Amino acid sequence: MPKMKTKSSAAKRFKATGTGKLKRNKANKSHILTKKTSKRKRGLRKAAMTDQTNEKNMKKILPYL
C-alpha cells in the first residue's frame, strides 16, 4: 500500500501538542483591525485547540502529525 499524503495546507495551519491534540491559530487577525477592540485583538493572539467535532477529520488529513 502506498504512503498516505499529508494535506500541506493543513500541515501549515496545525501543530500537534504533546498529548496529541491539535493546536491552531485564530482567524480574523489579518486585516480590518481598526474597528476591533484591543481586548478582542489580544484574545486573537492566543492559539486555540481544534474542536472535538473536527478532530477526527483533521487526523485523517494529517496522518503523520
N, C-alpha and C. Protein backbone atom coordinates (compact mmCIF):
# COMPACT_ATOMS: atom_id res chain seq x y z
N MET A 1 0.85 -1.19 0.00
CA MET A 1 0.00 0.00 0.00
C MET A 1 0.89 1.25 0.00
N PRO A 2 0.54 2.24 -0.84
CA PRO A 2 1.39 3.44 -0.89
C PRO A 2 1.26 4.30 0.36
N LYS A 3 2.24 5.17 0.52
CA LYS A 3 2.21 6.09 1.66
C LYS A 3 1.03 7.03 1.53
N MET A 4 0.50 7.47 2.67
CA MET A 4 -0.58 8.45 2.65
C MET A 4 0.01 9.84 2.51
N LYS A 5 -0.67 10.70 1.78
CA LYS A 5 -0.17 12.06 1.61
C LYS A 5 -0.79 12.98 2.66
N THR A 6 0.02 13.88 3.17
CA THR A 6 -0.44 14.90 4.11
C THR A 6 -0.95 16.07 3.30
N LYS A 7 -2.08 16.66 3.70
CA LYS A 7 -2.55 17.89 3.07
C LYS A 7 -1.63 19.01 3.53
N SER A 8 -0.84 19.56 2.62
CA SER A 8 0.16 20.55 3.02
C SER A 8 -0.46 21.83 3.55
N SER A 9 -1.66 22.18 3.07
CA SER A 9 -2.34 23.37 3.59
C SER A 9 -2.68 23.21 5.06
N ALA A 10 -3.10 22.01 5.45
CA ALA A 10 -3.43 21.73 6.85
C ALA A 10 -2.17 21.64 7.70
N ALA A 11 -1.10 21.10 7.14
CA ALA A 11 0.16 20.96 7.88
C ALA A 11 0.72 22.32 8.28
N LYS A 12 0.47 23.34 7.45
CA LYS A 12 0.95 24.68 7.74
C LYS A 12 0.13 25.35 8.85
N ARG A 13 -1.11 24.90 9.02
CA ARG A 13 -2.03 25.57 9.95
C ARG A 13 -2.16 24.91 11.31
N PHE A 14 -1.79 23.64 11.41
CA PHE A 14 -1.99 22.89 12.66
C PHE A 14 -0.70 22.31 13.19
N LYS A 15 -0.57 22.28 14.51
CA LYS A 15 0.57 21.64 15.17
C LYS A 15 0.01 20.70 16.23
N ALA A 16 0.69 19.60 16.45
CA ALA A 16 0.25 18.63 17.46
C ALA A 16 0.86 18.98 18.81
N THR A 17 0.08 18.82 19.88
CA THR A 17 0.60 19.03 21.22
C THR A 17 1.17 17.70 21.73
N GLY A 18 1.74 17.72 22.90
CA GLY A 18 2.30 16.50 23.47
C GLY A 18 1.29 15.41 23.71
N THR A 19 0.06 15.81 24.02
CA THR A 19 -1.00 14.82 24.30
C THR A 19 -1.72 14.38 23.04
N GLY A 20 -1.34 14.95 21.88
CA GLY A 20 -1.95 14.53 20.62
C GLY A 20 -3.09 15.41 20.15
N LYS A 21 -3.40 16.46 20.90
CA LYS A 21 -4.44 17.40 20.45
C LYS A 21 -3.87 18.30 19.37
N LEU A 22 -4.74 18.94 18.61
CA LEU A 22 -4.28 19.82 17.54
C LEU A 22 -4.45 21.28 17.93
N LYS A 23 -3.37 22.04 17.76
CA LYS A 23 -3.36 23.45 18.10
C LYS A 23 -3.51 24.25 16.81
N ARG A 24 -4.28 25.34 16.87
CA ARG A 24 -4.49 26.18 15.68
C ARG A 24 -4.47 27.65 16.07
N ASN A 25 -4.26 28.52 15.09
CA ASN A 25 -4.34 29.95 15.34
C ASN A 25 -5.75 30.43 15.04
N LYS A 26 -6.15 31.51 15.68
CA LYS A 26 -7.50 32.03 15.49
C LYS A 26 -7.57 32.90 14.24
N ALA A 27 -8.75 32.98 13.67
CA ALA A 27 -8.98 33.77 12.46
C ALA A 27 -9.30 35.22 12.83
N ASN A 28 -9.47 36.07 11.83
CA ASN A 28 -9.86 37.48 11.97
C ASN A 28 -8.77 38.37 12.55
N LYS A 29 -7.51 38.05 12.33
CA LYS A 29 -6.42 38.86 12.86
C LYS A 29 -5.55 39.44 11.75
N SER A 30 -5.99 39.33 10.48
CA SER A 30 -5.10 39.74 9.39
C SER A 30 -5.35 41.15 8.87
N HIS A 31 -6.59 41.60 8.82
CA HIS A 31 -6.86 42.96 8.32
C HIS A 31 -8.15 43.49 8.91
N ILE A 32 -8.45 44.75 8.61
CA ILE A 32 -9.59 45.48 9.20
C ILE A 32 -9.50 45.44 10.72
N LEU A 33 -8.36 45.84 11.25
CA LEU A 33 -8.13 45.76 12.68
C LEU A 33 -8.52 47.04 13.42
N THR A 34 -8.79 48.11 12.69
CA THR A 34 -9.09 49.39 13.35
C THR A 34 -10.41 49.37 14.10
N LYS A 35 -11.38 48.66 13.58
CA LYS A 35 -12.70 48.62 14.24
C LYS A 35 -12.78 47.58 15.36
N LYS A 36 -11.78 46.72 15.46
CA LYS A 36 -11.78 45.70 16.51
C LYS A 36 -11.14 46.28 17.77
N THR A 37 -11.70 45.93 18.90
CA THR A 37 -11.17 46.45 20.17
C THR A 37 -9.84 45.80 20.51
N SER A 38 -9.07 46.48 21.36
CA SER A 38 -7.78 45.95 21.79
C SER A 38 -7.95 44.62 22.50
N LYS A 39 -9.00 44.52 23.30
CA LYS A 39 -9.27 43.30 24.05
C LYS A 39 -9.53 42.13 23.10
N ARG A 40 -10.29 42.40 22.05
CA ARG A 40 -10.60 41.37 21.07
C ARG A 40 -9.36 40.92 20.31
N LYS A 41 -8.53 41.88 19.90
CA LYS A 41 -7.30 41.57 19.18
C LYS A 41 -6.32 40.80 20.05
N ARG A 42 -6.26 41.14 21.34
CA ARG A 42 -5.39 40.45 22.29
C ARG A 42 -5.81 39.00 22.43
N GLY A 43 -7.11 38.77 22.45
CA GLY A 43 -7.64 37.41 22.56
C GLY A 43 -7.34 36.57 21.33
N LEU A 44 -7.25 37.23 20.18
CA LEU A 44 -6.97 36.52 18.93
C LEU A 44 -5.51 36.08 18.81
N ARG A 45 -4.64 36.65 19.63
CA ARG A 45 -3.22 36.28 19.60
C ARG A 45 -2.99 34.86 20.06
N LYS A 46 -3.76 34.46 21.06
CA LYS A 46 -3.54 33.15 21.68
C LYS A 46 -4.00 32.02 20.76
N ALA A 47 -3.26 30.94 20.78
CA ALA A 47 -3.63 29.77 20.00
C ALA A 47 -4.80 29.05 20.67
N ALA A 48 -5.55 28.30 19.87
CA ALA A 48 -6.69 27.55 20.40
C ALA A 48 -6.55 26.09 19.99
N MET A 49 -7.30 25.23 20.65
CA MET A 49 -7.31 23.82 20.29
C MET A 49 -8.44 23.58 19.28
N THR A 50 -8.26 22.60 18.42
CA THR A 50 -9.33 22.28 17.48
C THR A 50 -10.47 21.62 18.23
N ASP A 51 -11.66 21.84 17.75
CA ASP A 51 -12.86 21.30 18.36
C ASP A 51 -12.89 19.79 18.18
N GLN A 52 -13.47 19.09 19.12
CA GLN A 52 -13.53 17.63 19.05
C GLN A 52 -14.32 17.14 17.84
N THR A 53 -15.29 17.94 17.38
CA THR A 53 -16.10 17.54 16.22
C THR A 53 -15.26 17.49 14.95
N ASN A 54 -14.21 18.31 14.87
CA ASN A 54 -13.34 18.34 13.68
C ASN A 54 -12.10 17.48 13.83
N GLU A 55 -11.81 17.04 15.03
CA GLU A 55 -10.56 16.35 15.32
C GLU A 55 -10.37 15.09 14.47
N LYS A 56 -11.41 14.31 14.29
CA LYS A 56 -11.33 13.06 13.54
C LYS A 56 -10.93 13.33 12.09
N ASN A 57 -11.56 14.33 11.48
CA ASN A 57 -11.25 14.68 10.09
C ASN A 57 -9.83 15.21 9.96
N MET A 58 -9.40 16.00 10.93
CA MET A 58 -8.08 16.59 10.88
C MET A 58 -6.99 15.50 10.98
N LYS A 59 -7.22 14.51 11.81
CA LYS A 59 -6.26 13.41 11.96
C LYS A 59 -6.14 12.63 10.64
N LYS A 60 -7.25 12.58 9.89
CA LYS A 60 -7.25 11.87 8.61
C LYS A 60 -6.40 12.63 7.57
N ILE A 61 -6.49 13.96 7.61
CA ILE A 61 -5.74 14.80 6.64
C ILE A 61 -4.27 14.87 7.03
N LEU A 62 -3.97 14.73 8.33
CA LEU A 62 -2.60 14.83 8.83
C LEU A 62 -2.18 13.48 9.42
N PRO A 63 -1.92 12.48 8.59
CA PRO A 63 -1.65 11.15 9.11
C PRO A 63 -0.34 11.02 9.89
N TYR A 64 0.65 11.87 9.61
CA TYR A 64 1.97 11.71 10.26
C TYR A 64 2.25 12.78 11.30
N LEU A 65 1.22 13.45 11.79
CA LEU A 65 1.43 14.50 12.78
C LEU A 65 1.54 13.91 14.17
